[in-house]
Amino acid sequence: MASEGTNPLGTYLRNRRTRLDPATFGFIGGRRRTAGLRREEVAQRANISPTWYTWLEQGRGGAPSADVLDRISKGLMLTEPEREHLFMLGLGRPPEVHYKPIDGVTPRLQRVLDALGSSPAFIKTATWDVIAWNRAAAAVLTDYGQLPREQRNILRLMFGNSRIRTIQEDWESVARYVIGSFRADVARAGATEEITQLVDELSRTSAEFDRLWRDNEIAEHREGLKRLHHPDVGLLELEFSAFAVDGRPELSMVIYNPASSDDADRVRSLVSMREHPRIVTR
């Protein structure tokens, strides 16, 4: 039998098991010498042999299969980061990624966006659909709320919206960077099948997209400087940063901070103009 020092998988399983409340899962009655679920209860929830599960905790029986680890992760109600750690311990690699479409965000995440004030910010999926945004983003970038849901995609906007193209200082460089970052996010999320229709559509409607997509470039969408020539306030310089949403690896938050106090004033002006449009009288 392996010791804790030589059996990190068993140690991790025991740690997760003892943190669970048996009553939550309907395991009540009887005296318990230790906290948490018993081994046979975890095995029951994971639909595997109690002997096999016991061997895993004891470091016996060889490496588990991905299917067994997946069932154990569900039985132990692991979060996605915990599940990934379980796979790293058991197989030396993360689990295969299966992309799940997302329609919206929690009220808490929306409040985070709203609190950013003069910093345009939005949350996008791994397939670059914008699913939440704040007032500054609507005023400076795009009023996503006025678009049909299927059009709230950054690539569709980049290659199909003339206004978005016009305000970019160097559209070609921005478009190339967007495609490279998009390709990296899609591959990381395991969403290659989900974007087939989008890529086919854009390849048919935009020769520029087709050319850039065929270059197969990869980029990391983490941080940089965006320069926009806004028709109402002129040049805007915004420093952008992208952050993974904790516990939601399929989502990322992109924040554009004004590069100077003058840029911040321009953003606030655009937000004010949008919320209090001037009434033209004759």
Protein backbone atom coordinates (compact mmCIF):
# COMPACT_ATOMS: atom_id res chain seq x y z
CA MET A 1 0.00 0.00 0.00
CA ALA A 2 1.36 3.43 -0.99
CA SER A 3 1.95 6.11 1.62
CA GLU A 4 0.37 9.55 1.36
CA GLY A 5 3.63 10.98 0.08
CA THR A 6 3.75 8.55 -2.83
CA ASN A 7 0.00 8.48 -3.51
CA PRO A 8 -1.16 12.06 -4.10
CA LEU A 9 -4.27 10.82 -5.94
CA GLY A 10 -5.42 8.84 -2.90
CA THR A 11 -4.68 11.74 -0.58
CA TYR A 12 -6.69 14.11 -2.76
CA LEU A 13 -9.65 11.72 -2.99
CA ARG A 14 -9.72 11.27 0.79
CA ASN A 15 -9.51 15.01 1.30
CA ARG A 16 -12.45 15.68 -1.02
CA ARG A 17 -14.46 12.77 0.39
CA THR A 18 -14.16 13.87 4.01
CA ARG A 19 -15.34 17.39 3.19
CA LEU A 20 -18.81 16.25 2.05
CA ASP A 21 -21.85 16.11 4.31
CA PRO A 22 -23.44 12.63 4.17
CA ALA A 23 -26.90 13.97 4.95
CA THR A 24 -26.79 16.10 1.81
CA PHE A 25 -26.72 12.93 -0.25
CA GLY A 26 -29.26 11.02 1.79
CA PHE A 27 -26.73 8.97 3.78
CA ILE A 28 -28.18 9.21 7.27
CA GLY A 29 -28.21 7.01 10.34
CA GLY A 30 -25.49 4.86 11.84
CA ARG A 31 -22.41 5.91 13.75
CA ARG A 32 -19.55 7.44 11.76
CA ARG A 33 -15.99 7.35 13.00
CA THR A 34 -14.76 9.94 10.52
CA ALA A 35 -16.20 12.99 8.79
CA GLY A 36 -17.55 12.96 5.28
CA LEU A 37 -18.66 10.16 3.00
CA ARG A 38 -17.52 6.59 3.35
CA ARG A 39 -15.57 4.98 0.51
CA GLU A 40 -18.48 2.73 -0.46
CA GLU A 41 -20.78 5.77 -0.59
CA VAL A 42 -18.48 7.55 -3.03
CA ALA A 43 -18.30 4.35 -5.08
CA GLN A 44 -22.09 4.13 -5.09
CA ARG A 45 -22.45 7.72 -6.29
CA ALA A 46 -19.77 7.16 -8.96
CA ASN A 47 -21.28 3.82 -10.02
CA ILE A 48 -17.99 1.95 -9.65
CA SER A 49 -16.86 -1.01 -7.56
CA PRO A 50 -16.25 -0.17 -3.88
CA THR A 51 -13.16 -2.38 -4.03
CA TRP A 52 -11.81 -0.48 -7.04
CA TYR A 53 -12.40 2.87 -5.36
CA THR A 54 -10.69 1.64 -2.18
CA TRP A 55 -7.69 0.54 -4.23
CA LEU A 56 -7.47 4.00 -5.81
CA GLU A 57 -7.27 5.65 -2.40
CA GLN A 58 -4.68 3.08 -1.33
CA GLY A 59 -2.56 3.50 -4.45
CA ARG A 60 -3.25 0.01 -5.78
CA GLY A 61 -4.66 -1.32 -9.04
CA GLY A 62 -2.87 0.89 -11.56
CA ALA A 63 -3.98 4.08 -13.28
CA PRO A 64 -7.72 4.78 -13.51
CA SER A 65 -9.42 5.47 -16.82
CA ALA A 66 -10.71 8.90 -17.80
CA ASP A 67 -14.26 7.56 -17.53
CA VAL A 68 -13.70 6.42 -13.94
CA LEU A 69 -12.17 9.77 -12.98
CA ASP A 70 -15.06 11.60 -14.58
CA ARG A 71 -17.59 9.54 -12.64
CA ILE A 72 -15.68 10.05 -9.39
CA SER A 73 -15.53 13.82 -9.99
CA LYS A 74 -19.31 13.87 -10.35
CA GLY A 75 -19.75 11.65 -7.30
CA LEU A 76 -17.61 14.02 -5.24
CA MET A 77 -19.27 17.09 -6.80
CA LEU A 78 -15.91 18.55 -7.81
CA THR A 79 -15.71 22.00 -9.35
CA GLU A 80 -14.13 22.27 -12.80
CA PRO A 81 -10.70 23.28 -11.39
CA GLU A 82 -10.90 20.41 -8.88
CA ARG A 83 -11.86 17.98 -11.66
CA GLU A 84 -8.89 19.15 -13.74
CA HIS A 85 -6.58 18.62 -10.76
CA LEU A 86 -7.99 15.11 -10.28
CA PHE A 87 -7.15 14.25 -13.90
CA MET A 88 -3.65 15.68 -13.55
CA LEU A 89 -3.05 13.46 -10.52
CA GLY A 90 -4.64 10.36 -12.02
CA LEU A 91 -3.54 10.58 -15.66
CA GLY A 92 -0.95 13.35 -15.82
CA ARG A 93 -3.08 15.41 -18.18
CA PRO A 94 -6.20 17.59 -17.99
CA PRO A 95 -9.57 16.16 -19.03
CA GLU A 96 -10.75 16.51 -22.59
CA VAL A 97 -12.64 19.74 -23.06
CA HIS A 98 -16.27 19.70 -24.14
CA TYR A 99 -17.56 23.15 -24.94
CA LYS A 100 -20.93 24.15 -23.48
CA PRO A 101 -22.71 27.17 -24.98
CA ILE A 102 -23.50 29.96 -22.50
CA ASP A 103 -26.44 32.37 -22.79
CA GLY A 104 -25.85 34.81 -19.96
CA VAL A 105 -24.08 35.67 -16.72
CA THR A 106 -25.03 35.84 -13.07
CA PRO A 107 -26.31 39.11 -11.56
CA ARG A 108 -23.08 39.29 -9.55
CA LEU A 109 -20.95 39.28 -12.72
CA GLN A 110 -23.19 41.92 -14.28
CA ARG A 111 -22.74 44.11 -11.21
CA VAL A 112 -18.95 43.78 -11.59
CA LEU A 113 -19.25 45.08 -15.15
CA ASP A 114 -21.56 47.92 -14.12
CA ALA A 115 -19.20 49.01 -11.35
CA LEU A 116 -16.40 49.73 -13.83
CA GLY A 117 -17.96 53.07 -14.76
CA SER A 118 -15.82 54.76 -17.41
CA SER A 119 -14.07 51.55 -18.45
CA PRO A 120 -15.87 49.74 -21.29
CA ALA A 121 -16.07 46.06 -20.41
CA PHE A 122 -17.81 42.95 -21.62
CA ILE A 123 -17.85 39.19 -21.10
CA LYS A 124 -17.40 36.88 -24.05
CA THR A 125 -17.59 33.14 -24.54
CA ALA A 126 -14.85 30.96 -26.01
CA THR A 127 -16.54 31.36 -29.40
CA TRP A 128 -16.42 35.15 -28.92
CA ASP A 129 -20.13 35.76 -28.45
CA VAL A 130 -20.63 38.81 -26.23
CA ILE A 131 -23.13 37.84 -23.53
CA ALA A 132 -22.83 40.76 -21.07
CA TRP A 133 -21.56 44.33 -21.19
CA ASN A 134 -21.69 47.63 -19.31
CA ARG A 135 -22.95 51.07 -20.31
CA ALA A 136 -19.50 52.30 -21.30
CA ALA A 137 -19.07 49.36 -23.70
CA ALA A 138 -22.45 50.10 -25.28
CA ALA A 139 -21.50 53.76 -25.72
CA VAL A 140 -17.92 53.32 -26.95
CA LEU A 141 -17.76 49.94 -28.68
CA THR A 142 -21.17 48.64 -29.76
CA ASP A 143 -24.68 48.80 -28.37
CA TYR A 144 -24.97 45.03 -28.19
CA GLY A 145 -28.49 45.29 -26.79
CA GLN A 146 -29.70 46.68 -30.13
CA LEU A 147 -28.34 43.69 -32.05
CA PRO A 148 -29.99 40.30 -32.58
CA ARG A 149 -28.42 37.68 -30.33
CA GLU A 150 -26.66 35.89 -33.22
CA GLN A 151 -25.00 39.16 -34.29
CA ARG A 152 -23.35 39.76 -30.91
CA ASN A 153 -20.24 37.98 -32.09
CA ILE A 154 -16.96 39.85 -32.29
CA LEU A 155 -15.91 38.24 -35.58
CA ARG A 156 -19.26 38.95 -37.22
CA LEU A 157 -18.94 42.57 -36.11
CA MET A 158 -15.31 42.88 -37.18
CA PHE A 159 -15.94 41.55 -40.68
CA GLY A 160 -19.55 42.52 -41.26
CA ASN A 161 -20.15 45.87 -39.56
CA SER A 162 -18.90 48.92 -41.45
CA ARG A 163 -18.96 51.16 -38.36
CA ILE A 164 -16.71 48.79 -36.41
CA ARG A 165 -14.30 48.70 -39.31
CA THR A 166 -14.24 52.47 -39.78
CA ILE A 167 -13.36 53.37 -36.19
CA GLN A 168 -10.35 51.01 -36.00
CA GLU A 169 -7.06 52.85 -36.52
CA ASP A 170 -5.43 49.86 -38.27
CA TRP A 171 -8.24 47.48 -39.19
CA GLU A 172 -5.98 44.93 -40.92
CA SER A 173 -3.73 44.47 -37.89
CA VAL A 174 -6.66 44.37 -35.49
CA ALA A 175 -8.51 41.83 -37.64
CA ARG A 176 -5.46 39.59 -37.88
CA TYR A 177 -4.98 39.75 -34.11
CA VAL A 178 -8.66 39.01 -33.47
CA ILE A 179 -8.62 35.93 -35.69
CA GLY A 180 -5.43 34.59 -34.11
CA SER A 181 -6.80 35.07 -30.59
CA PHE A 182 -10.17 33.61 -31.55
CA ARG A 183 -8.54 30.51 -33.00
CA ALA A 184 -6.53 29.98 -29.79
CA ASP A 185 -9.60 30.35 -27.54
CA VAL A 186 -11.69 27.98 -29.64
CA ALA A 187 -9.00 25.29 -29.61
CA ARG A 188 -8.44 25.68 -25.86
CA ALA A 189 -12.17 25.31 -25.17
CA GLY A 190 -12.64 22.34 -27.50
CA ALA A 191 -15.22 24.28 -29.52
CA THR A 192 -13.93 23.62 -33.04
CA GLU A 193 -17.17 21.96 -34.14
CA GLU A 194 -19.28 24.78 -32.74
CA ILE A 195 -17.60 27.46 -34.87
CA THR A 196 -17.68 25.55 -38.19
CA GLN A 197 -20.86 27.28 -39.33
CA LEU A 198 -19.54 30.72 -38.34
CA VAL A 199 -16.23 30.20 -40.16
CA ASP A 200 -18.00 28.90 -43.28
CA GLU A 201 -20.36 31.86 -43.25
CA LEU A 202 -17.62 34.46 -42.87
CA SER A 203 -15.41 32.74 -45.45
CA ARG A 204 -18.25 33.06 -47.98
CA THR A 205 -19.16 36.65 -47.17
CA SER A 206 -15.70 38.13 -46.53
CA ALA A 207 -12.68 37.48 -48.73
CA GLU A 208 -10.54 39.21 -46.09
CA PHE A 209 -11.69 36.84 -43.38
CA ASP A 210 -11.08 33.85 -45.64
CA ARG A 211 -7.54 35.06 -46.38
CA LEU A 212 -6.65 35.73 -42.75
CA TRP A 213 -8.25 32.51 -41.50
CA ARG A 214 -6.19 30.44 -43.93
CA ASP A 215 -2.99 31.93 -42.50
CA ASN A 216 -3.57 29.79 -39.37
CA GLU A 217 -1.96 32.31 -37.05
CA ILE A 218 -2.33 31.99 -33.27
CA ALA A 219 -2.29 34.90 -30.82
CA GLU A 220 -2.98 35.43 -27.12
CA HIS A 221 -5.74 37.90 -26.28
CA ARG A 222 -4.38 39.14 -22.96
CA GLU A 223 -3.50 42.83 -23.07
CA GLY A 224 -2.66 45.67 -25.41
CA LEU A 225 -3.62 49.14 -26.62
CA LYS A 226 -6.67 49.89 -28.77
CA ARG A 227 -6.94 53.14 -30.69
CA LEU A 228 -10.39 54.11 -31.92
CA HIS A 229 -11.41 57.08 -34.05
CA HIS A 230 -14.85 57.72 -32.65
CA PRO A 231 -17.08 59.95 -34.79
CA ASP A 232 -18.36 61.90 -31.75
CA VAL A 233 -15.23 62.46 -29.61
CA GLY A 234 -12.29 61.78 -31.91
CA LEU A 235 -9.30 59.59 -31.02
CA LEU A 236 -9.70 57.29 -28.03
CA GLU A 237 -6.81 55.32 -26.56
CA LEU A 238 -7.83 52.37 -24.40
CA GLU A 239 -5.59 49.86 -22.64
CA PHE A 240 -7.28 46.48 -22.68
CA SER A 241 -6.78 43.43 -20.49
CA ALA A 242 -8.52 40.05 -20.67
CA PHE A 243 -9.20 37.97 -17.56
CA ALA A 244 -10.53 34.46 -17.11
CA VAL A 245 -13.70 34.34 -15.02
CA ASP A 246 -12.98 32.31 -11.89
CA GLY A 247 -14.78 28.99 -12.00
CA ARG A 248 -16.01 29.67 -15.54
CA PRO A 249 -13.09 28.81 -17.84
CA GLU A 250 -15.31 29.14 -20.90
CA LEU A 251 -15.79 32.86 -20.20
CA SER A 252 -13.42 35.82 -20.22
CA MET A 253 -13.87 39.43 -19.18
CA VAL A 254 -12.30 42.12 -21.38
CA ILE A 255 -11.79 45.55 -19.80
CA TYR A 256 -10.76 48.69 -21.69
CA ASN A 257 -9.23 51.28 -19.35
CA PRO A 258 -8.85 54.83 -20.72
CA ALA A 259 -5.15 55.47 -21.28
CA SER A 260 -5.32 59.05 -19.94
CA SER A 261 -7.61 61.37 -18.02
CA ASP A 262 -8.63 62.98 -21.31
CA ASP A 263 -9.63 59.57 -22.68
CA ALA A 264 -11.63 58.92 -19.50
CA ASP A 265 -13.44 62.25 -19.99
CA ARG A 266 -14.27 61.28 -23.57
CA VAL A 267 -15.68 57.94 -22.45
CA ARG A 268 -17.82 59.63 -19.80
CA SER A 269 -19.02 62.08 -22.42
CA LEU A 270 -20.10 59.24 -24.71
CA VAL A 271 -21.94 57.51 -21.87
CA SER A 272 -23.70 60.77 -20.99
CA MET A 273 -24.62 61.42 -24.63
CA ARG A 274 -26.14 57.97 -24.88
CA GLU A 275 -28.14 58.29 -21.67
CA HIS A 276 -29.21 61.90 -22.26
CA PRO A 277 -29.51 62.41 -26.02
CA ARG A 278 -29.91 65.96 -27.15
CA ILE A 279 -33.38 66.82 -28.44
CA VAL A 280 -33.25 68.65 -31.76
CA THR A 281 -36.01 71.20 -32.20
CA ARG A 282 -37.06 72.96 -35.37
